[in-house]
Amino acid sequence: MKTLREYIEDAKLRKVAIGHFNISDLAGLKGIFEAAKELNLPIIIGLSEGERDFVGTKNAADMVRNLREQYGYPIFINADHTHSLEKIQEAVNAGFDAVLFDAGKLPFEENIAKTKEVVEWVKKTRPEVLVEAELGYLGTSSTILKEVPEGAAIKLEDLTKPEEAKRFVQETGIDLLAPAVGNIHGMFKDAPNPNLFIERIAELRVAAGVPMVLHGGSGIRDEDFIAAIQNGIAIVHINTEIRLAWRQGMERALSEKPDEVTPYKLLLDPIEAVKKKVAERLKLFNGI
């Protein structure tokens, strides 16, 4: 089986994207894995600090590794949105394949210094672990939005700048870059999210020289996804859409099975809803 780095490089060359989907429970993991397996596509499972606190950092790593080994399948795990070296160390020691150090809200120089410290520790401890960093502020929560998060970079002048991306990558040594290109975390209930700045993505691809990751994928227009992937995005993060699908599936189960009290039977509907949404996104990201 190829490494995660090799799958990402392959996606970049073929101008497709690997889907990165977050989980909070076994039902989400099951739905995501079943969708990917039926399409025979590599997949990345993500857990934020809060999600890891709930599931258990070591538990999550073990579950994903067991699926990879049992089925010989390219499923990987990422420590999403991690804000301290201590939490990075916890994930790396637990067996995660990748980590995202998120200091995107900090001033540029401080972001460089803290990210460089993380990269140096990770590469000394487990060199094969990929380190991603965020440059630009996208908001903080994968929720249903009523307004754009305060401070989120959705205007051209606030986006990640090519010259800063180049310096950031060179000085920190990161493997993956998550830029601000009009994307935000979360999604609006009754409207699409703001448009992506595709030209900036193309500029960053050249300047950064490393694969790029699109965060805040929930709520983005299909045509923007396709254009972003064609211009340099190799991984797309989806979380809010998964959470919404899970909830809608559970609401349907509770409505249609009012007397059911067996948890795994009620969870069949959320699993199927998550699976359907993940399959839709994976097909789009891979031109299927």
C-alpha atoms as a PDB file:
ATOM      1  CA  MET A   1       0.000   0.000   0.000  1.00  0.00           C
ATOM      2  CA  LYS A   2       1.219   3.493  -0.804  1.00  0.00           C
ATOM      3  CA  THR A   3       1.879   6.004   1.944  1.00  0.00           C
ATOM      4  CA  LEU A   4      -0.415   8.954   2.619  1.00  0.00           C
ATOM      5  CA  ARG A   5       2.218  11.260   1.113  1.00  0.00           C
ATOM      6  CA  GLU A   6       2.222   9.183  -2.073  1.00  0.00           C
ATOM      7  CA  TYR A   7      -1.573   9.229  -2.327  1.00  0.00           C
ATOM      8  CA  ILE A   8      -1.565  13.016  -1.938  1.00  0.00           C
ATOM      9  CA  GLU A   9       1.125  13.469  -4.595  1.00  0.00           C
ATOM     10  CA  ASP A  10      -0.835  11.204  -6.922  1.00  0.00           C
ATOM     11  CA  ALA A  11      -4.015  13.238  -6.349  1.00  0.00           C
ATOM     12  CA  LYS A  12      -2.105  16.449  -7.041  1.00  0.00           C
ATOM     13  CA  LEU A  13      -0.722  15.095 -10.330  1.00  0.00           C
ATOM     14  CA  ARG A  14      -4.078  13.746 -11.500  1.00  0.00           C
ATOM     15  CA  LYS A  15      -5.927  16.923 -10.407  1.00  0.00           C
ATOM     16  CA  VAL A  16      -8.311  15.105  -8.115  1.00  0.00           C
ATOM     17  CA  ALA A  17      -8.687  15.483  -4.352  1.00  0.00           C
ATOM     18  CA  ILE A  18      -8.674  13.147  -1.376  1.00  0.00           C
ATOM     19  CA  GLY A  19     -11.718  13.548   0.854  1.00  0.00           C
ATOM     20  CA  HIS A  20     -11.064  14.347   4.518  1.00  0.00           C
ATOM     21  CA  PHE A  21     -14.110  13.757   6.722  1.00  0.00           C
ATOM     22  CA  ASN A  22     -14.406  14.326  10.472  1.00  0.00           C
ATOM     23  CA  ILE A  23     -15.976  11.946  12.945  1.00  0.00           C
ATOM     24  CA  SER A  24     -17.298  12.094  16.493  1.00  0.00           C
ATOM     25  CA  ASP A  25     -18.394   8.489  16.805  1.00  0.00           C
ATOM     26  CA  LEU A  26     -18.267   4.977  15.346  1.00  0.00           C
ATOM     27  CA  ALA A  27     -21.400   5.579  13.240  1.00  0.00           C
ATOM     28  CA  GLY A  28     -19.697   8.397  11.361  1.00  0.00           C
ATOM     29  CA  LEU A  29     -16.580   6.315  10.809  1.00  0.00           C
ATOM     30  CA  LYS A  30     -18.636   3.392   9.526  1.00  0.00           C
ATOM     31  CA  GLY A  31     -20.585   5.538   7.048  1.00  0.00           C
ATOM     32  CA  ILE A  32     -17.450   7.247   5.720  1.00  0.00           C
ATOM     33  CA  PHE A  33     -15.480   4.023   5.378  1.00  0.00           C
ATOM     34  CA  GLU A  34     -18.297   2.181   3.601  1.00  0.00           C
ATOM     35  CA  ALA A  35     -18.690   5.010   1.070  1.00  0.00           C
ATOM     36  CA  ALA A  36     -14.970   5.161   0.320  1.00  0.00           C
ATOM     37  CA  LYS A  37     -14.617   1.381   0.106  1.00  0.00           C
ATOM     38  CA  GLU A  38     -17.466   1.022  -2.390  1.00  0.00           C
ATOM     39  CA  LEU A  39     -15.801   3.653  -4.596  1.00  0.00           C
ATOM     40  CA  ASN A  40     -12.297   2.254  -3.977  1.00  0.00           C
ATOM     41  CA  LEU A  41     -10.869   5.657  -3.079  1.00  0.00           C
ATOM     42  CA  PRO A  42      -8.357   6.638  -0.376  1.00  0.00           C
ATOM     43  CA  ILE A  43      -9.819   8.478   2.581  1.00  0.00           C
ATOM     44  CA  ILE A  44      -8.647  10.595   5.498  1.00  0.00           C
ATOM     45  CA  ILE A  45     -10.491  10.572   8.806  1.00  0.00           C
ATOM     46  CA  GLY A  46     -10.151  13.763  10.827  1.00  0.00           C
ATOM     47  CA  LEU A  47     -10.737  14.554  14.480  1.00  0.00           C
ATOM     48  CA  SER A  48     -10.408  18.009  15.995  1.00  0.00           C
ATOM     49  CA  GLU A  49      -9.184  18.455  19.572  1.00  0.00           C
ATOM     50  CA  GLY A  50     -12.775  18.355  20.842  1.00  0.00           C
ATOM     51  CA  GLU A  51     -13.608  15.279  18.796  1.00  0.00           C
ATOM     52  CA  ARG A  52     -10.450  13.545  20.023  1.00  0.00           C
ATOM     53  CA  ASP A  53     -11.304  14.378  23.624  1.00  0.00           C
ATOM     54  CA  PHE A  54     -14.688  12.693  23.135  1.00  0.00           C
ATOM     55  CA  VAL A  55     -13.638   9.628  21.123  1.00  0.00           C
ATOM     56  CA  GLY A  56     -10.200   9.204  22.705  1.00  0.00           C
ATOM     57  CA  THR A  57      -7.047  10.015  20.767  1.00  0.00           C
ATOM     58  CA  LYS A  58      -5.578   6.497  21.000  1.00  0.00           C
ATOM     59  CA  ASN A  59      -8.982   4.891  20.429  1.00  0.00           C
ATOM     60  CA  ALA A  60      -9.443   6.834  17.190  1.00  0.00           C
ATOM     61  CA  ALA A  61      -5.970   5.963  15.898  1.00  0.00           C
ATOM     62  CA  ASP A  62      -6.486   2.289  16.735  1.00  0.00           C
ATOM     63  CA  MET A  63      -9.882   2.141  15.002  1.00  0.00           C
ATOM     64  CA  VAL A  64      -8.531   3.587  11.772  1.00  0.00           C
ATOM     65  CA  ARG A  65      -5.373   1.483  11.839  1.00  0.00           C
ATOM     66  CA  ASN A  66      -7.442  -1.670  12.429  1.00  0.00           C
ATOM     67  CA  LEU A  67      -9.586  -0.920   9.366  1.00  0.00           C
ATOM     68  CA  ARG A  68      -6.462  -0.286   7.284  1.00  0.00           C
ATOM     69  CA  GLU A  69      -4.860  -3.551   8.370  1.00  0.00           C
ATOM     70  CA  GLN A  70      -7.989  -5.699   8.304  1.00  0.00           C
ATOM     71  CA  TYR A  71      -9.054  -4.651   4.800  1.00  0.00           C
ATOM     72  CA  GLY A  72      -5.684  -3.634   3.367  1.00  0.00           C
ATOM     73  CA  TYR A  73      -7.352  -0.311   2.638  1.00  0.00           C
ATOM     74  CA  PRO A  74      -5.891   3.211   2.304  1.00  0.00           C
ATOM     75  CA  ILE A  75      -7.685   4.877   5.206  1.00  0.00           C
ATOM     76  CA  PHE A  76      -5.614   7.387   7.183  1.00  0.00           C
ATOM     77  CA  ILE A  77      -6.126   9.594  10.240  1.00  0.00           C
ATOM     78  CA  ASN A  78      -5.372  13.266  10.822  1.00  0.00           C
ATOM     79  CA  ALA A  79      -5.287  15.308  14.026  1.00  0.00           C
ATOM     80  CA  ASP A  80      -7.373  18.190  12.742  1.00  0.00           C
ATOM     81  CA  HIS A  81      -7.083  21.772  14.104  1.00  0.00           C
ATOM     82  CA  THR A  82      -4.575  21.261  16.897  1.00  0.00           C
ATOM     83  CA  HIS A  83      -3.521  24.376  18.789  1.00  0.00           C
ATOM     84  CA  SER A  84      -0.613  23.292  20.999  1.00  0.00           C
ATOM     85  CA  LEU A  85       2.579  21.261  20.756  1.00  0.00           C
ATOM     86  CA  GLU A  86       1.349  19.128  23.643  1.00  0.00           C
ATOM     87  CA  LYS A  87      -1.755  18.017  21.712  1.00  0.00           C
ATOM     88  CA  ILE A  88       0.354  17.433  18.584  1.00  0.00           C
ATOM     89  CA  GLN A  89       2.638  15.185  20.626  1.00  0.00           C
ATOM     90  CA  GLU A  90      -0.352  13.259  21.972  1.00  0.00           C
ATOM     91  CA  ALA A  91      -1.639  12.537  18.459  1.00  0.00           C
ATOM     92  CA  VAL A  92       1.763  11.626  17.009  1.00  0.00           C
ATOM     93  CA  ASN A  93       2.494   9.260  19.899  1.00  0.00           C
ATOM     94  CA  ALA A  94      -0.950   7.682  19.490  1.00  0.00           C
ATOM     95  CA  GLY A  95      -0.175   6.752  15.878  1.00  0.00           C
ATOM     96  CA  PHE A  96      -1.816   9.455  13.754  1.00  0.00           C
ATOM     97  CA  ASP A  97      -0.657   9.679  10.131  1.00  0.00           C
ATOM     98  CA  ALA A  98      -0.879  13.467   9.910  1.00  0.00           C
ATOM     99  CA  VAL A  99      -1.381  16.501  12.128  1.00  0.00           C
ATOM    100  CA  LEU A 100      -2.679  20.008  11.502  1.00  0.00           C
ATOM    101  CA  PHE A 101      -1.125  22.688  13.656  1.00  0.00           C
ATOM    102  CA  ASP A 102      -3.510  25.618  13.572  1.00  0.00           C
ATOM    103  CA  ALA A 103      -2.004  28.966  14.504  1.00  0.00           C
ATOM    104  CA  GLY A 104      -3.775  30.745  11.649  1.00  0.00           C
ATOM    105  CA  LYS A 105      -5.274  33.402  13.909  1.00  0.00           C
ATOM    106  CA  LEU A 106      -1.858  34.461  15.221  1.00  0.00           C
ATOM    107  CA  PRO A 107       0.344  37.169  13.684  1.00  0.00           C
ATOM    108  CA  PHE A 108       2.440  35.910  10.769  1.00  0.00           C
ATOM    109  CA  GLU A 109       5.821  35.849  12.537  1.00  0.00           C
ATOM    110  CA  GLU A 110       4.400  34.071  15.586  1.00  0.00           C
ATOM    111  CA  ASN A 111       2.663  31.529  13.357  1.00  0.00           C
ATOM    112  CA  ILE A 112       6.010  30.772  11.684  1.00  0.00           C
ATOM    113  CA  ALA A 113       7.853  30.367  14.994  1.00  0.00           C
ATOM    114  CA  LYS A 114       5.288  28.078  16.610  1.00  0.00           C
ATOM    115  CA  THR A 115       4.757  25.998  13.456  1.00  0.00           C
ATOM    116  CA  LYS A 116       8.503  25.530  13.003  1.00  0.00           C
ATOM    117  CA  GLU A 117       8.756  24.210  16.560  1.00  0.00           C
ATOM    118  CA  VAL A 118       6.012  21.672  15.844  1.00  0.00           C
ATOM    119  CA  VAL A 119       7.595  20.525  12.564  1.00  0.00           C
ATOM    120  CA  GLU A 120      11.003  20.050  14.183  1.00  0.00           C
ATOM    121  CA  TRP A 121       9.563  17.904  16.986  1.00  0.00           C
ATOM    122  CA  VAL A 122       7.412  15.772  14.666  1.00  0.00           C
ATOM    123  CA  LYS A 123      10.187  15.112  12.147  1.00  0.00           C
ATOM    124  CA  LYS A 124      12.545  14.147  14.951  1.00  0.00           C
ATOM    125  CA  THR A 125       9.991  11.805  16.534  1.00  0.00           C
ATOM    126  CA  ARG A 126       8.149  10.208  13.583  1.00  0.00           C
ATOM    127  CA  PRO A 127       9.475  11.570  10.266  1.00  0.00           C
ATOM    128  CA  GLU A 128       6.753   9.860   8.232  1.00  0.00           C
ATOM    129  CA  VAL A 129       3.972  11.925   9.875  1.00  0.00           C
ATOM    130  CA  LEU A 130       2.784  14.759   7.635  1.00  0.00           C
ATOM    131  CA  VAL A 131       2.549  18.217   9.173  1.00  0.00           C
ATOM    132  CA  GLU A 132      -0.026  20.671   7.867  1.00  0.00           C
ATOM    133  CA  ALA A 133      -0.375  24.292   8.933  1.00  0.00           C
ATOM    134  CA  GLU A 134      -2.981  26.986   8.395  1.00  0.00           C
ATOM    135  CA  LEU A 135      -2.082  30.402   6.997  1.00  0.00           C
ATOM    136  CA  GLY A 136      -5.032  32.785   7.249  1.00  0.00           C
ATOM    137  CA  TYR A 137      -8.100  32.754   9.499  1.00  0.00           C
ATOM    138  CA  LEU A 138     -11.179  30.732   8.460  1.00  0.00           C
ATOM    139  CA  GLY A 139     -13.319  30.850  11.595  1.00  0.00           C
ATOM    140  CA  THR A 140     -13.270  28.200  14.290  1.00  0.00           C
ATOM    141  CA  SER A 141     -16.385  26.034  14.322  1.00  0.00           C
ATOM    142  CA  SER A 142     -18.038  23.514  11.990  1.00  0.00           C
ATOM    143  CA  THR A 143     -21.608  24.664  12.608  1.00  0.00           C
ATOM    144  CA  ILE A 144     -24.650  26.034  10.803  1.00  0.00           C
ATOM    145  CA  LEU A 145     -23.847  29.721  10.330  1.00  0.00           C
ATOM    146  CA  LYS A 146     -26.060  32.787  10.511  1.00  0.00           C
ATOM    147  CA  GLU A 147     -23.250  35.145   9.484  1.00  0.00           C
ATOM    148  CA  VAL A 148     -19.634  35.073   8.360  1.00  0.00           C
ATOM    149  CA  PRO A 149     -17.331  34.434  11.380  1.00  0.00           C
ATOM    150  CA  GLU A 150     -15.737  37.639  12.660  1.00  0.00           C
ATOM    151  CA  GLY A 151     -12.272  38.080  11.210  1.00  0.00           C
ATOM    152  CA  ALA A 152     -12.595  35.323   8.591  1.00  0.00           C
ATOM    153  CA  ALA A 153     -10.621  36.059   5.413  1.00  0.00           C
ATOM    154  CA  ILE A 154     -13.207  36.335   2.633  1.00  0.00           C
ATOM    155  CA  LYS A 155     -12.066  39.603   1.007  1.00  0.00           C
ATOM    156  CA  LEU A 156      -9.278  39.610  -1.553  1.00  0.00           C
ATOM    157  CA  GLU A 157      -7.011  41.776   0.596  1.00  0.00           C
ATOM    158  CA  ASP A 158      -7.323  39.367   3.532  1.00  0.00           C
ATOM    159  CA  LEU A 159      -6.527  36.127   1.686  1.00  0.00           C
ATOM    160  CA  THR A 160      -3.279  34.194   2.052  1.00  0.00           C
ATOM    161  CA  LYS A 161      -0.655  36.007  -0.010  1.00  0.00           C
ATOM    162  CA  PRO A 162       1.662  34.071  -2.370  1.00  0.00           C
ATOM    163  CA  GLU A 163       4.835  35.708  -1.064  1.00  0.00           C
ATOM    164  CA  GLU A 164       3.861  34.921   2.534  1.00  0.00           C
ATOM    165  CA  ALA A 165       2.959  31.335   1.623  1.00  0.00           C
ATOM    166  CA  LYS A 166       6.367  30.834   0.004  1.00  0.00           C
ATOM    167  CA  ARG A 167       8.233  32.163   3.020  1.00  0.00           C
ATOM    168  CA  PHE A 168       5.985  30.277   5.455  1.00  0.00           C
ATOM    169  CA  VAL A 169       6.641  26.926   3.770  1.00  0.00           C
ATOM    170  CA  GLN A 170      10.379  27.527   3.420  1.00  0.00           C
ATOM    171  CA  GLU A 171      10.910  28.609   7.030  1.00  0.00           C
ATOM    172  CA  THR A 172       8.658  26.056   8.748  1.00  0.00           C
ATOM    173  CA  GLY A 173       9.245  22.959   6.608  1.00  0.00           C
ATOM    174  CA  ILE A 174       5.577  21.951   6.560  1.00  0.00           C
ATOM    175  CA  ASP A 175       4.347  19.195   4.235  1.00  0.00           C
ATOM    176  CA  LEU A 176       0.882  20.633   3.527  1.00  0.00           C
ATOM    177  CA  LEU A 177      -0.553  24.156   3.469  1.00  0.00           C
ATOM    178  CA  ALA A 178      -4.121  25.155   4.368  1.00  0.00           C
ATOM    179  CA  PRO A 179      -4.624  28.673   2.942  1.00  0.00           C
ATOM    180  CA  ALA A 180      -7.416  31.211   3.268  1.00  0.00           C
ATOM    181  CA  VAL A 181      -8.900  31.542  -0.228  1.00  0.00           C
ATOM    182  CA  GLY A 182     -12.470  32.594   0.565  1.00  0.00           C
ATOM    183  CA  ASN A 183     -13.314  29.389   2.442  1.00  0.00           C
ATOM    184  CA  ILE A 184     -14.786  29.433   5.956  1.00  0.00           C
ATOM    185  CA  HIS A 185     -15.562  26.809   8.559  1.00  0.00           C
ATOM    186  CA  GLY A 186     -19.246  25.975   8.852  1.00  0.00           C
ATOM    187  CA  MET A 187     -22.059  26.427   6.326  1.00  0.00           C
ATOM    188  CA  PHE A 188     -25.095  28.625   5.881  1.00  0.00           C
ATOM    189  CA  LYS A 189     -28.485  26.963   6.274  1.00  0.00           C
ATOM    190  CA  ASP A 190     -30.252  28.366   3.221  1.00  0.00           C
ATOM    191  CA  ALA A 191     -27.474  29.742   1.020  1.00  0.00           C
ATOM    192  CA  PRO A 192     -24.113  28.657  -0.416  1.00  0.00           C
ATOM    193  CA  ASN A 193     -20.913  29.830   1.219  1.00  0.00           C
ATOM    194  CA  PRO A 194     -18.916  32.732  -0.278  1.00  0.00           C
ATOM    195  CA  ASN A 195     -17.167  32.096  -3.597  1.00  0.00           C
ATOM    196  CA  LEU A 196     -13.596  30.826  -3.605  1.00  0.00           C
ATOM    197  CA  PHE A 197     -10.844  32.907  -5.186  1.00  0.00           C
ATOM    198  CA  ILE A 198      -9.646  30.397  -7.763  1.00  0.00           C
ATOM    199  CA  GLU A 199      -6.913  32.617  -9.206  1.00  0.00           C
ATOM    200  CA  ARG A 200      -5.378  32.944  -5.752  1.00  0.00           C
ATOM    201  CA  ILE A 201      -5.376  29.153  -5.358  1.00  0.00           C
ATOM    202  CA  ALA A 202      -3.444  28.863  -8.639  1.00  0.00           C
ATOM    203  CA  GLU A 203      -0.958  31.507  -7.481  1.00  0.00           C
ATOM    204  CA  LEU A 204      -0.454  29.772  -4.147  1.00  0.00           C
ATOM    205  CA  ARG A 205       0.143  26.417  -5.837  1.00  0.00           C
ATOM    206  CA  VAL A 206       3.174  27.880  -7.594  1.00  0.00           C
ATOM    207  CA  ALA A 207       4.419  29.931  -4.634  1.00  0.00           C
ATOM    208  CA  ALA A 208       4.007  27.345  -1.872  1.00  0.00           C
ATOM    209  CA  GLY A 209       5.411  24.334  -3.715  1.00  0.00           C
ATOM    210  CA  VAL A 210       3.614  21.857  -1.414  1.00  0.00           C
ATOM    211  CA  PRO A 211       0.188  20.200  -1.731  1.00  0.00           C
ATOM    212  CA  MET A 212      -2.662  22.404  -0.528  1.00  0.00           C
ATOM    213  CA  VAL A 213      -5.645  21.577   1.631  1.00  0.00           C
ATOM    214  CA  LEU A 214      -9.068  23.224   1.378  1.00  0.00           C
ATOM    215  CA  HIS A 215     -10.749  23.588   4.755  1.00  0.00           C
ATOM    216  CA  GLY A 216     -14.343  24.623   5.283  1.00  0.00           C
ATOM    217  CA  GLY A 217     -15.593  22.544   2.378  1.00  0.00           C
ATOM    218  CA  SER A 218     -19.178  22.261   3.632  1.00  0.00           C
ATOM    219  CA  GLY A 219     -21.510  24.551   1.706  1.00  0.00           C
ATOM    220  CA  ILE A 220     -19.126  25.338  -1.156  1.00  0.00           C
ATOM    221  CA  ARG A 221     -20.579  25.273  -4.685  1.00  0.00           C
ATOM    222  CA  ASP A 222     -19.762  22.208  -6.787  1.00  0.00           C
ATOM    223  CA  GLU A 223     -18.238  24.338  -9.547  1.00  0.00           C
ATOM    224  CA  ASP A 224     -15.915  26.000  -7.027  1.00  0.00           C
ATOM    225  CA  PHE A 225     -14.779  22.602  -5.754  1.00  0.00           C
ATOM    226  CA  ILE A 226     -13.969  21.454  -9.279  1.00  0.00           C
ATOM    227  CA  ALA A 227     -12.085  24.640 -10.140  1.00  0.00           C
ATOM    228  CA  ALA A 228     -10.160  24.601  -6.851  1.00  0.00           C
ATOM    229  CA  ILE A 229      -9.049  21.007  -7.391  1.00  0.00           C
ATOM    230  CA  GLN A 230      -8.018  21.724 -10.962  1.00  0.00           C
ATOM    231  CA  ASN A 231      -5.885  24.610  -9.720  1.00  0.00           C
ATOM    232  CA  GLY A 232      -3.988  22.959  -6.882  1.00  0.00           C
ATOM    233  CA  ILE A 233      -6.164  21.644  -4.040  1.00  0.00           C
ATOM    234  CA  ALA A 234      -5.236  18.025  -3.209  1.00  0.00           C
ATOM    235  CA  ILE A 235      -7.318  17.436  -0.039  1.00  0.00           C
ATOM    236  CA  VAL A 236     -10.796  18.748   0.831  1.00  0.00           C
ATOM    237  CA  HIS A 237     -12.124  18.881   4.403  1.00  0.00           C
ATOM    238  CA  ILE A 238     -15.815  18.260   5.065  1.00  0.00           C
ATOM    239  CA  ASN A 239     -17.307  18.282   8.560  1.00  0.00           C
ATOM    240  CA  THR A 240     -20.503  20.342   8.956  1.00  0.00           C
ATOM    241  CA  GLU A 241     -22.249  18.497   6.111  1.00  0.00           C
ATOM    242  CA  ILE A 242     -21.424  15.200   7.835  1.00  0.00           C
ATOM    243  CA  ARG A 243     -22.774  16.436  11.150  1.00  0.00           C
ATOM    244  CA  LEU A 244     -25.955  17.653   9.470  1.00  0.00           C
ATOM    245  CA  ALA A 245     -26.443  14.353   7.637  1.00  0.00           C
ATOM    246  CA  TRP A 246     -25.917  12.451  10.915  1.00  0.00           C
ATOM    247  CA  ARG A 247     -28.526  14.554  12.707  1.00  0.00           C
ATOM    248  CA  GLN A 248     -31.073  14.299   9.910  1.00  0.00           C
ATOM    249  CA  GLY A 249     -30.595  10.534   9.827  1.00  0.00           C
ATOM    250  CA  MET A 250     -31.124  10.284  13.574  1.00  0.00           C
ATOM    251  CA  GLU A 251     -34.217  12.497  13.440  1.00  0.00           C
ATOM    252  CA  ARG A 252     -35.639  10.260  10.742  1.00  0.00           C
ATOM    253  CA  ALA A 253     -34.899   7.139  12.794  1.00  0.00           C
ATOM    254  CA  LEU A 254     -36.547   8.543  15.918  1.00  0.00           C
ATOM    255  CA  SER A 255     -39.587   9.649  13.899  1.00  0.00           C
ATOM    256  CA  GLU A 256     -40.052   6.396  11.981  1.00  0.00           C
ATOM    257  CA  LYS A 257     -39.152   4.060  14.855  1.00  0.00           C
ATOM    258  CA  PRO A 258     -40.772   5.658  17.922  1.00  0.00           C
ATOM    259  CA  ASP A 259     -40.646   2.450  19.962  1.00  0.00           C
ATOM    260  CA  GLU A 260     -37.073   1.441  19.087  1.00  0.00           C
ATOM    261  CA  VAL A 261     -34.591   1.641  21.976  1.00  0.00           C
ATOM    262  CA  THR A 262     -31.691  -0.395  20.557  1.00  0.00           C
ATOM    263  CA  PRO A 263     -28.907   2.121  19.820  1.00  0.00           C
ATOM    264  CA  TYR A 264     -27.266   0.295  16.912  1.00  0.00           C
ATOM    265  CA  LYS A 265     -30.619  -0.062  15.159  1.00  0.00           C
ATOM    266  CA  LEU A 266     -31.328   3.658  15.507  1.00  0.00           C
ATOM    267  CA  LEU A 267     -27.822   4.447  14.261  1.00  0.00           C
ATOM    268  CA  LEU A 268     -28.401   2.653  10.948  1.00  0.00           C
ATOM    269  CA  ASP A 269     -30.135   5.751   9.598  1.00  0.00           C
ATOM    270  CA  PRO A 270     -27.322   8.201  10.516  1.00  0.00           C
ATOM    271  CA  ILE A 271     -24.785   5.768   9.055  1.00  0.00           C
ATOM    272  CA  GLU A 272     -26.672   5.604   5.766  1.00  0.00           C
ATOM    273  CA  ALA A 273     -27.115   9.393   5.660  1.00  0.00           C
ATOM    274  CA  VAL A 274     -23.396   9.971   6.253  1.00  0.00           C
ATOM    275  CA  LYS A 275     -22.492   7.325   3.679  1.00  0.00           C
ATOM    276  CA  LYS A 276     -24.686   8.968   1.039  1.00  0.00           C
ATOM    277  CA  LYS A 277     -23.226  12.442   1.635  1.00  0.00           C
ATOM    278  CA  VAL A 278     -19.629  11.172   1.629  1.00  0.00           C
ATOM    279  CA  ALA A 279     -20.197   9.240  -1.599  1.00  0.00           C
ATOM    280  CA  GLU A 280     -21.572  12.387  -3.272  1.00  0.00           C
ATOM    281  CA  ARG A 281     -18.519  14.400  -2.279  1.00  0.00           C
ATOM    282  CA  LEU A 282     -15.987  11.704  -3.199  1.00  0.00           C
ATOM    283  CA  LYS A 283     -17.514  11.342  -6.658  1.00  0.00           C
ATOM    284  CA  LEU A 284     -17.322  15.089  -7.189  1.00  0.00           C
ATOM    285  CA  PHE A 285     -13.724  15.360  -5.949  1.00  0.00           C
ATOM    286  CA  ASN A 286     -12.631  12.520  -8.238  1.00  0.00           C
ATOM    287  CA  GLY A 287     -14.618  13.287 -11.369  1.00  0.00           C
ATOM    288  CA  ILE A 288     -16.728  10.143 -11.125  1.00  0.00           C
END
